[in-house]
Amino acid sequence: MEYTQITVTDDGEVRVITLNRPEKLNAWTPRMLAELAHAVRAGNGDPSVGAFVVTGAGRGFCAGADISEVFAARIDAADDAGAGVGEATAGDDSAADDWVDLVRNSKPLVAAINGASIGVGLTMVLAMDRLVAHSEAKISCRFVKMGVTPELASSHMLVQRCGWGAATDLALSGRIVTGAEAVEMGLVDEVTDGDVLEAALARARSYAENPPTMVRLTKQLLTANGSDTDLRAVQRRELDALSVARSSDDHREAVAAFLEKRPPKFR
């Protein structure tokens, strides 16, 4: 797939995906989602990639949906560009696969929120493993202001991340908060006044250095068990994952490296 709205580079074991429409503050389009999904699937299939960082080119991270390509197109019934964010497609290499499911079943994903992260610019990253934001980044779940409702499982993820009260306030007001405010309420995980990309890369490297099998299994457990109140079901999933882990080459290498007092080699 030819990338026209993102760029992809590698920094060691971390693959950096950059939203690349800086003249529009990286406003979201169905094509952008299709390219993102393609890049993540490609990285998941590449054994040299241990984790991803997703960031934005220029001053913004993603200033929401491109109004002319998404909302106006839908109203005018122009073409498929007006499809819903969660179901958007763009050709054969499209994001037809569910984005949230892809994120939760992917190698670790870290968002480097370097600027405005509005609407889908926020909800597209809520399911990722770590959200790192600049202290002055402008962040908003702004759907109510545009006369639409939240998507990409954000009505669940907002509550999971920052609790009922803060999630309700953000969703019903559509207000903008800074990165510094967002970290206080748990909306993002980490904030910096410096280089957001470098901070996100450091986090991603700390994930990429671990056994790939265990990283993926652990993500799957967190996804399935995070809101399950049936503790027997939770433990059954853990035991099933542990059985797979114990028989893996990653486990054998981790134990051997520990006993031999050397760095492990997982790739």
C-alpha atoms as a PDB file:
ATOM      1  CA  MET A   1       0.000   0.000   0.000  1.00  0.00           C
ATOM      2  CA  GLU A   2       1.314   3.453  -0.886  1.00  0.00           C
ATOM      3  CA  TYR A   3       1.269   5.798   2.096  1.00  0.00           C
ATOM      4  CA  THR A   4       0.128   9.327   1.306  1.00  0.00           C
ATOM      5  CA  GLN A   5      -1.107  10.482   4.736  1.00  0.00           C
ATOM      6  CA  ILE A   6       1.382   8.797   7.076  1.00  0.00           C
ATOM      7  CA  THR A   7       5.111   8.112   7.134  1.00  0.00           C
ATOM      8  CA  VAL A   8       6.811   5.050   8.611  1.00  0.00           C
ATOM      9  CA  THR A   9      10.384   4.914   9.961  1.00  0.00           C
ATOM     10  CA  ASP A  10      12.281   2.609  12.300  1.00  0.00           C
ATOM     11  CA  ASP A  11      14.214   3.632  15.416  1.00  0.00           C
ATOM     12  CA  GLY A  12      15.886   0.388  16.415  1.00  0.00           C
ATOM     13  CA  GLU A  13      13.154  -2.042  17.445  1.00  0.00           C
ATOM     14  CA  VAL A  14      10.521   0.719  17.526  1.00  0.00           C
ATOM     15  CA  ARG A  15       8.511   1.533  14.406  1.00  0.00           C
ATOM     16  CA  VAL A  16       7.454   5.189  14.309  1.00  0.00           C
ATOM     17  CA  ILE A  17       4.226   5.971  12.453  1.00  0.00           C
ATOM     18  CA  THR A  18       3.679   9.685  11.834  1.00  0.00           C
ATOM     19  CA  LEU A  19       0.347  11.166  10.794  1.00  0.00           C
ATOM     20  CA  ASN A  20       1.419  13.362   7.900  1.00  0.00           C
ATOM     21  CA  ARG A  21      -1.075  16.067   6.957  1.00  0.00           C
ATOM     22  CA  PRO A  22       0.631  18.918   8.838  1.00  0.00           C
ATOM     23  CA  GLU A  23      -1.046  21.633   6.768  1.00  0.00           C
ATOM     24  CA  LYS A  24      -4.359  20.455   8.278  1.00  0.00           C
ATOM     25  CA  LEU A  25      -3.017  19.581  11.732  1.00  0.00           C
ATOM     26  CA  ASN A  26      -3.187  15.949  10.599  1.00  0.00           C
ATOM     27  CA  ALA A  27      -6.981  15.980  10.364  1.00  0.00           C
ATOM     28  CA  TRP A  28      -8.341  12.435  10.173  1.00  0.00           C
ATOM     29  CA  THR A  29      -9.655  10.868   6.966  1.00  0.00           C
ATOM     30  CA  PRO A  30     -10.770   7.330   6.129  1.00  0.00           C
ATOM     31  CA  ARG A  31      -7.608   7.011   4.029  1.00  0.00           C
ATOM     32  CA  MET A  32      -5.460   7.883   7.052  1.00  0.00           C
ATOM     33  CA  LEU A  33      -7.099   5.139   9.118  1.00  0.00           C
ATOM     34  CA  ALA A  34      -6.619   2.632   6.305  1.00  0.00           C
ATOM     35  CA  GLU A  35      -2.922   3.500   6.103  1.00  0.00           C
ATOM     36  CA  LEU A  36      -2.521   3.344   9.884  1.00  0.00           C
ATOM     37  CA  ALA A  37      -4.145  -0.081  10.044  1.00  0.00           C
ATOM     38  CA  HIS A  38      -1.998  -1.330   7.184  1.00  0.00           C
ATOM     39  CA  ALA A  39       1.199  -0.059   8.840  1.00  0.00           C
ATOM     40  CA  VAL A  40       0.321  -1.690  12.173  1.00  0.00           C
ATOM     41  CA  ARG A  41      -0.529  -5.016  10.546  1.00  0.00           C
ATOM     42  CA  ALA A  42       2.743  -4.905   8.592  1.00  0.00           C
ATOM     43  CA  GLY A  43       4.722  -4.186  11.758  1.00  0.00           C
ATOM     44  CA  ASN A  44       2.981  -6.954  13.639  1.00  0.00           C
ATOM     45  CA  GLY A  45       4.177  -9.340  10.962  1.00  0.00           C
ATOM     46  CA  ASP A  46       7.762  -8.069  11.032  1.00  0.00           C
ATOM     47  CA  PRO A  47       9.880  -9.856  13.689  1.00  0.00           C
ATOM     48  CA  SER A  48      12.335  -6.934  13.812  1.00  0.00           C
ATOM     49  CA  VAL A  49       9.615  -4.651  15.218  1.00  0.00           C
ATOM     50  CA  GLY A  50       9.081  -4.779  18.976  1.00  0.00           C
ATOM     51  CA  ALA A  51       6.732  -1.827  19.494  1.00  0.00           C
ATOM     52  CA  PHE A  52       5.178   1.191  17.778  1.00  0.00           C
ATOM     53  CA  VAL A  53       5.055   4.923  18.452  1.00  0.00           C
ATOM     54  CA  VAL A  54       2.320   6.950  16.751  1.00  0.00           C
ATOM     55  CA  THR A  55       2.789  10.729  16.529  1.00  0.00           C
ATOM     56  CA  GLY A  56       1.881  13.703  14.336  1.00  0.00           C
ATOM     57  CA  ALA A  57       3.881  15.826  11.917  1.00  0.00           C
ATOM     58  CA  GLY A  58       4.178  19.546  12.603  1.00  0.00           C
ATOM     59  CA  ARG A  59       2.282  21.362  15.370  1.00  0.00           C
ATOM     60  CA  GLY A  60      -0.583  18.933  15.871  1.00  0.00           C
ATOM     61  CA  PHE A  61      -1.194  15.287  16.641  1.00  0.00           C
ATOM     62  CA  CYS A  62      -4.638  14.991  15.004  1.00  0.00           C
ATOM     63  CA  ALA A  63      -7.113  17.852  15.138  1.00  0.00           C
ATOM     64  CA  GLY A  64     -10.130  15.591  14.586  1.00  0.00           C
ATOM     65  CA  ALA A  65     -11.942  14.459  11.476  1.00  0.00           C
ATOM     66  CA  ASP A  66     -11.460  16.440   8.290  1.00  0.00           C
ATOM     67  CA  ILE A  67     -14.819  18.232   8.200  1.00  0.00           C
ATOM     68  CA  SER A  68     -15.003  18.474   4.421  1.00  0.00           C
ATOM     69  CA  GLU A  69     -14.052  14.831   3.818  1.00  0.00           C
ATOM     70  CA  VAL A  70     -16.096  13.260   6.617  1.00  0.00           C
ATOM     71  CA  PHE A  71     -19.019  15.228   8.066  1.00  0.00           C
ATOM     72  CA  ALA A  72     -19.865  17.365   5.025  1.00  0.00           C
ATOM     73  CA  ALA A  73     -19.499  14.373   2.703  1.00  0.00           C
ATOM     74  CA  ARG A  74     -21.895  12.353   4.833  1.00  0.00           C
ATOM     75  CA  ILE A  75     -24.454  15.131   4.946  1.00  0.00           C
ATOM     76  CA  ASP A  76     -24.238  15.558   1.195  1.00  0.00           C
ATOM     77  CA  ALA A  77     -24.255  11.767   0.703  1.00  0.00           C
ATOM     78  CA  ALA A  78     -21.316  12.355  -1.577  1.00  0.00           C
ATOM     79  CA  ASP A  79     -19.499   9.021  -1.376  1.00  0.00           C
ATOM     80  CA  ASP A  80     -17.957   6.486   0.998  1.00  0.00           C
ATOM     81  CA  ALA A  81     -15.753   9.173   2.538  1.00  0.00           C
ATOM     82  CA  GLY A  82     -18.753   9.914   4.696  1.00  0.00           C
ATOM     83  CA  ALA A  83     -18.655   6.494   6.334  1.00  0.00           C
ATOM     84  CA  GLY A  84     -18.537   6.379  10.115  1.00  0.00           C
ATOM     85  CA  VAL A  85     -15.119   6.634  11.705  1.00  0.00           C
ATOM     86  CA  GLY A  86     -15.265   3.150  13.146  1.00  0.00           C
ATOM     87  CA  GLU A  87     -16.320   1.574   9.863  1.00  0.00           C
ATOM     88  CA  ALA A  88     -14.427   3.670   7.313  1.00  0.00           C
ATOM     89  CA  THR A  89     -12.857   1.956   4.336  1.00  0.00           C
ATOM     90  CA  ALA A  90     -10.441   3.043   1.636  1.00  0.00           C
ATOM     91  CA  GLY A  91      -9.834   0.429  -1.025  1.00  0.00           C
ATOM     92  CA  ASP A  92      -8.506  -3.097  -0.743  1.00  0.00           C
ATOM     93  CA  ASP A  93      -5.901  -2.238   1.931  1.00  0.00           C
ATOM     94  CA  SER A  94      -8.537  -0.608   4.100  1.00  0.00           C
ATOM     95  CA  ALA A  95      -9.222  -0.409   7.807  1.00  0.00           C
ATOM     96  CA  ALA A  96     -12.136  -2.813   7.414  1.00  0.00           C
ATOM     97  CA  ASP A  97     -10.703  -4.699  10.389  1.00  0.00           C
ATOM     98  CA  ASP A  98     -11.916  -3.152  13.603  1.00  0.00           C
ATOM     99  CA  TRP A  99      -9.359  -0.537  14.713  1.00  0.00           C
ATOM    100  CA  VAL A 100      -9.817  -1.083  18.458  1.00  0.00           C
ATOM    101  CA  ASP A 101      -9.494  -4.848  18.073  1.00  0.00           C
ATOM    102  CA  LEU A 102      -6.353  -4.356  15.987  1.00  0.00           C
ATOM    103  CA  VAL A 103      -4.813  -2.050  18.609  1.00  0.00           C
ATOM    104  CA  ARG A 104      -5.552  -4.397  21.504  1.00  0.00           C
ATOM    105  CA  ASN A 105      -4.151  -7.421  19.647  1.00  0.00           C
ATOM    106  CA  SER A 106      -1.089  -5.590  18.363  1.00  0.00           C
ATOM    107  CA  LYS A 107       2.457  -5.290  19.571  1.00  0.00           C
ATOM    108  CA  PRO A 108       2.698  -2.416  22.089  1.00  0.00           C
ATOM    109  CA  LEU A 109       1.501   0.953  20.820  1.00  0.00           C
ATOM    110  CA  VAL A 110       2.557   4.239  22.421  1.00  0.00           C
ATOM    111  CA  ALA A 111       0.978   7.549  21.400  1.00  0.00           C
ATOM    112  CA  ALA A 112       3.216  10.633  21.338  1.00  0.00           C
ATOM    113  CA  ILE A 113       0.621  13.407  21.528  1.00  0.00           C
ATOM    114  CA  ASN A 114       2.664  16.386  20.413  1.00  0.00           C
ATOM    115  CA  GLY A 115      -0.188  18.848  19.862  1.00  0.00           C
ATOM    116  CA  ALA A 116      -3.927  19.107  19.278  1.00  0.00           C
ATOM    117  CA  SER A 117      -5.674  15.759  19.840  1.00  0.00           C
ATOM    118  CA  ILE A 118      -9.366  16.382  19.209  1.00  0.00           C
ATOM    119  CA  GLY A 119     -12.329  14.048  18.656  1.00  0.00           C
ATOM    120  CA  VAL A 120     -11.123  11.025  16.700  1.00  0.00           C
ATOM    121  CA  GLY A 121      -7.604  12.366  17.268  1.00  0.00           C
ATOM    122  CA  LEU A 122      -8.154  11.307  20.872  1.00  0.00           C
ATOM    123  CA  THR A 123     -10.390   8.263  20.503  1.00  0.00           C
ATOM    124  CA  MET A 124      -8.061   6.600  17.983  1.00  0.00           C
ATOM    125  CA  VAL A 125      -5.385   6.344  20.717  1.00  0.00           C
ATOM    126  CA  LEU A 126      -7.435   5.617  23.849  1.00  0.00           C
ATOM    127  CA  ALA A 127      -7.021   1.852  23.407  1.00  0.00           C
ATOM    128  CA  MET A 128      -3.241   2.130  23.022  1.00  0.00           C
ATOM    129  CA  ASP A 129      -0.886   0.952  25.759  1.00  0.00           C
ATOM    130  CA  ARG A 130       0.634   4.279  26.799  1.00  0.00           C
ATOM    131  CA  LEU A 131      -0.397   7.865  26.050  1.00  0.00           C
ATOM    132  CA  VAL A 132       2.416  10.405  26.347  1.00  0.00           C
ATOM    133  CA  ALA A 133       1.415  14.046  25.836  1.00  0.00           C
ATOM    134  CA  HIS A 134       3.069  17.431  25.775  1.00  0.00           C
ATOM    135  CA  SER A 135       1.961  19.498  28.762  1.00  0.00           C
ATOM    136  CA  GLU A 136       0.434  22.139  26.463  1.00  0.00           C
ATOM    137  CA  ALA A 137      -1.250  19.756  24.011  1.00  0.00           C
ATOM    138  CA  LYS A 138      -4.947  20.524  23.527  1.00  0.00           C
ATOM    139  CA  ILE A 139      -7.066  17.402  24.090  1.00  0.00           C
ATOM    140  CA  SER A 140     -10.828  16.998  23.726  1.00  0.00           C
ATOM    141  CA  CYS A 141     -13.554  14.396  23.270  1.00  0.00           C
ATOM    142  CA  ARG A 142     -15.456  16.961  21.228  1.00  0.00           C
ATOM    143  CA  PHE A 143     -18.149  14.917  19.516  1.00  0.00           C
ATOM    144  CA  VAL A 144     -21.083  16.585  21.262  1.00  0.00           C
ATOM    145  CA  LYS A 145     -19.994  19.940  19.838  1.00  0.00           C
ATOM    146  CA  MET A 146     -20.346  18.540  16.316  1.00  0.00           C
ATOM    147  CA  GLY A 147     -23.744  17.002  16.939  1.00  0.00           C
ATOM    148  CA  VAL A 148     -22.467  13.410  16.982  1.00  0.00           C
ATOM    149  CA  THR A 149     -21.692  10.811  19.631  1.00  0.00           C
ATOM    150  CA  PRO A 150     -18.446   9.063  20.719  1.00  0.00           C
ATOM    151  CA  GLU A 151     -17.025   6.105  18.759  1.00  0.00           C
ATOM    152  CA  LEU A 152     -14.085   3.699  18.652  1.00  0.00           C
ATOM    153  CA  ALA A 153     -15.199   2.298  22.025  1.00  0.00           C
ATOM    154  CA  SER A 154     -14.392   5.662  23.612  1.00  0.00           C
ATOM    155  CA  SER A 155     -17.524   5.617  25.789  1.00  0.00           C
ATOM    156  CA  HIS A 156     -15.910   2.568  27.422  1.00  0.00           C
ATOM    157  CA  MET A 157     -12.264   3.627  27.254  1.00  0.00           C
ATOM    158  CA  LEU A 158     -12.887   7.058  28.760  1.00  0.00           C
ATOM    159  CA  VAL A 159     -14.482   5.489  31.838  1.00  0.00           C
ATOM    160  CA  GLN A 160     -11.706   2.879  32.052  1.00  0.00           C
ATOM    161  CA  ARG A 161      -9.019   5.541  31.876  1.00  0.00           C
ATOM    162  CA  CYS A 162     -10.320   8.368  34.016  1.00  0.00           C
ATOM    163  CA  GLY A 163     -13.413   7.179  35.868  1.00  0.00           C
ATOM    164  CA  TRP A 164     -17.118   7.881  35.588  1.00  0.00           C
ATOM    165  CA  GLY A 165     -17.103  11.510  36.697  1.00  0.00           C
ATOM    166  CA  ALA A 166     -14.258  12.775  34.506  1.00  0.00           C
ATOM    167  CA  ALA A 167     -15.421  10.702  31.520  1.00  0.00           C
ATOM    168  CA  THR A 168     -18.932  12.115  31.814  1.00  0.00           C
ATOM    169  CA  ASP A 169     -17.649  15.666  32.082  1.00  0.00           C
ATOM    170  CA  LEU A 170     -15.357  15.328  29.072  1.00  0.00           C
ATOM    171  CA  ALA A 171     -17.999  13.653  26.902  1.00  0.00           C
ATOM    172  CA  LEU A 172     -20.942  15.899  27.806  1.00  0.00           C
ATOM    173  CA  SER A 173     -19.084  19.217  27.769  1.00  0.00           C
ATOM    174  CA  GLY A 174     -16.768  18.606  24.835  1.00  0.00           C
ATOM    175  CA  ARG A 175     -14.330  20.896  26.627  1.00  0.00           C
ATOM    176  CA  ILE A 176     -10.651  21.115  25.819  1.00  0.00           C
ATOM    177  CA  VAL A 177      -8.043  20.207  28.438  1.00  0.00           C
ATOM    178  CA  THR A 178      -4.286  20.566  28.290  1.00  0.00           C
ATOM    179  CA  GLY A 179      -1.904  17.657  28.532  1.00  0.00           C
ATOM    180  CA  ALA A 180      -1.051  18.781  32.062  1.00  0.00           C
ATOM    181  CA  GLU A 181      -4.747  18.632  33.037  1.00  0.00           C
ATOM    182  CA  ALA A 182      -5.258  15.345  31.193  1.00  0.00           C
ATOM    183  CA  VAL A 183      -2.562  13.518  33.153  1.00  0.00           C
ATOM    184  CA  GLU A 184      -4.086  14.681  36.432  1.00  0.00           C
ATOM    185  CA  MET A 185      -7.424  13.075  35.542  1.00  0.00           C
ATOM    186  CA  GLY A 186      -5.877   9.920  34.087  1.00  0.00           C
ATOM    187  CA  LEU A 187      -6.876  10.663  30.506  1.00  0.00           C
ATOM    188  CA  VAL A 188      -3.220  10.354  29.451  1.00  0.00           C
ATOM    189  CA  ASP A 189      -0.512   8.416  31.254  1.00  0.00           C
ATOM    190  CA  GLU A 190       2.510  10.671  31.061  1.00  0.00           C
ATOM    191  CA  VAL A 191       3.241  14.321  30.310  1.00  0.00           C
ATOM    192  CA  THR A 192       6.404  16.180  29.401  1.00  0.00           C
ATOM    193  CA  ASP A 193       7.458  19.760  28.754  1.00  0.00           C
ATOM    194  CA  GLY A 194      10.187  18.491  26.446  1.00  0.00           C
ATOM    195  CA  ASP A 195      10.412  16.185  23.454  1.00  0.00           C
ATOM    196  CA  VAL A 196       7.252  14.064  23.408  1.00  0.00           C
ATOM    197  CA  LEU A 197       8.566  11.717  20.748  1.00  0.00           C
ATOM    198  CA  GLU A 198      11.709  10.914  22.738  1.00  0.00           C
ATOM    199  CA  ALA A 199       9.646  10.257  25.879  1.00  0.00           C
ATOM    200  CA  ALA A 200       7.334   7.949  23.914  1.00  0.00           C
ATOM    201  CA  LEU A 201      10.282   6.158  22.301  1.00  0.00           C
ATOM    202  CA  ALA A 202      11.778   5.482  25.733  1.00  0.00           C
ATOM    203  CA  ARG A 203       8.521   3.858  26.848  1.00  0.00           C
ATOM    204  CA  ALA A 204       8.214   1.856  23.639  1.00  0.00           C
ATOM    205  CA  ARG A 205      11.787   0.565  23.959  1.00  0.00           C
ATOM    206  CA  SER A 206      11.042  -0.632  27.490  1.00  0.00           C
ATOM    207  CA  TYR A 207       8.240  -2.769  26.040  1.00  0.00           C
ATOM    208  CA  ALA A 208      10.129  -3.907  22.943  1.00  0.00           C
ATOM    209  CA  GLU A 209      12.994  -5.347  25.010  1.00  0.00           C
ATOM    210  CA  ASN A 210      10.711  -7.969  26.552  1.00  0.00           C
ATOM    211  CA  PRO A 211       9.752 -11.412  25.159  1.00  0.00           C
ATOM    212  CA  PRO A 212       7.338 -10.851  22.232  1.00  0.00           C
ATOM    213  CA  THR A 213       5.139 -13.838  23.109  1.00  0.00           C
ATOM    214  CA  MET A 214       4.687 -12.664  26.685  1.00  0.00           C
ATOM    215  CA  VAL A 215       4.012  -9.087  25.655  1.00  0.00           C
ATOM    216  CA  ARG A 216       1.210 -10.131  23.313  1.00  0.00           C
ATOM    217  CA  LEU A 217      -0.290 -12.600  25.813  1.00  0.00           C
ATOM    218  CA  THR A 218      -0.175  -9.999  28.583  1.00  0.00           C
ATOM    219  CA  LYS A 219      -1.963  -7.446  26.401  1.00  0.00           C
ATOM    220  CA  GLN A 220      -4.653 -10.004  25.619  1.00  0.00           C
ATOM    221  CA  LEU A 221      -5.127 -10.697  29.343  1.00  0.00           C
ATOM    222  CA  LEU A 222      -5.413  -7.007  30.180  1.00  0.00           C
ATOM    223  CA  THR A 223      -7.978  -6.556  27.413  1.00  0.00           C
ATOM    224  CA  ALA A 224     -10.131  -9.520  28.404  1.00  0.00           C
ATOM    225  CA  ASN A 225      -9.777  -9.242  32.172  1.00  0.00           C
ATOM    226  CA  GLY A 226      -9.663  -5.491  32.726  1.00  0.00           C
ATOM    227  CA  SER A 227     -13.402  -5.104  33.212  1.00  0.00           C
ATOM    228  CA  ASP A 228     -14.456  -8.715  33.882  1.00  0.00           C
ATOM    229  CA  THR A 229     -15.840  -9.168  37.398  1.00  0.00           C
ATOM    230  CA  ASP A 230     -15.856 -12.971  37.129  1.00  0.00           C
ATOM    231  CA  LEU A 231     -12.557 -13.714  38.882  1.00  0.00           C
ATOM    232  CA  ARG A 232     -12.740 -17.403  38.062  1.00  0.00           C
ATOM    233  CA  ALA A 233     -12.924 -16.544  34.362  1.00  0.00           C
ATOM    234  CA  VAL A 234     -10.039 -14.116  34.843  1.00  0.00           C
ATOM    235  CA  GLN A 235      -7.877 -16.818  36.405  1.00  0.00           C
ATOM    236  CA  ARG A 236      -8.797 -19.376  33.734  1.00  0.00           C
ATOM    237  CA  ARG A 237      -7.546 -17.008  31.056  1.00  0.00           C
ATOM    238  CA  GLU A 238      -4.356 -16.422  33.034  1.00  0.00           C
ATOM    239  CA  LEU A 239      -3.721 -20.149  33.401  1.00  0.00           C
ATOM    240  CA  ASP A 240      -4.336 -20.714  29.679  1.00  0.00           C
ATOM    241  CA  ALA A 241      -1.872 -17.924  28.821  1.00  0.00           C
ATOM    242  CA  LEU A 242       0.661 -19.250  31.319  1.00  0.00           C
ATOM    243  CA  SER A 243       0.498 -22.678  29.704  1.00  0.00           C
ATOM    244  CA  VAL A 244       1.326 -21.143  26.313  1.00  0.00           C
ATOM    245  CA  ALA A 245       4.083 -18.992  27.830  1.00  0.00           C
ATOM    246  CA  ARG A 246       5.806 -21.874  29.601  1.00  0.00           C
ATOM    247  CA  SER A 247       6.113 -23.862  26.392  1.00  0.00           C
ATOM    248  CA  SER A 248       7.448 -20.939  24.342  1.00  0.00           C
ATOM    249  CA  ASP A 249      10.962 -20.319  23.036  1.00  0.00           C
ATOM    250  CA  ASP A 250      10.780 -16.865  24.654  1.00  0.00           C
ATOM    251  CA  HIS A 251      10.405 -18.429  28.095  1.00  0.00           C
ATOM    252  CA  ARG A 252      13.310 -20.794  27.537  1.00  0.00           C
ATOM    253  CA  GLU A 253      15.526 -17.935  26.343  1.00  0.00           C
ATOM    254  CA  ALA A 254      14.569 -15.703  29.294  1.00  0.00           C
ATOM    255  CA  VAL A 255      15.433 -18.437  31.809  1.00  0.00           C
ATOM    256  CA  ALA A 256      18.682 -19.317  30.032  1.00  0.00           C
ATOM    257  CA  ALA A 257      19.774 -15.684  29.881  1.00  0.00           C
ATOM    258  CA  PHE A 258      19.066 -15.243  33.601  1.00  0.00           C
ATOM    259  CA  LEU A 259      21.053 -18.347  34.555  1.00  0.00           C
ATOM    260  CA  GLU A 260      23.931 -17.448  32.240  1.00  0.00           C
ATOM    261  CA  LYS A 261      23.940 -13.820  33.402  1.00  0.00           C
ATOM    262  CA  ARG A 262      23.662 -12.400  29.896  1.00  0.00           C
ATOM    263  CA  PRO A 263      21.201 -10.195  28.016  1.00  0.00           C
ATOM    264  CA  PRO A 264      18.379 -12.224  26.434  1.00  0.00           C
ATOM    265  CA  LYS A 265      18.047 -12.462  22.676  1.00  0.00           C
ATOM    266  CA  PHE A 266      14.409 -12.491  21.628  1.00  0.00           C
ATOM    267  CA  ARG A 267      14.898 -11.352  18.019  1.00  0.00           C
END
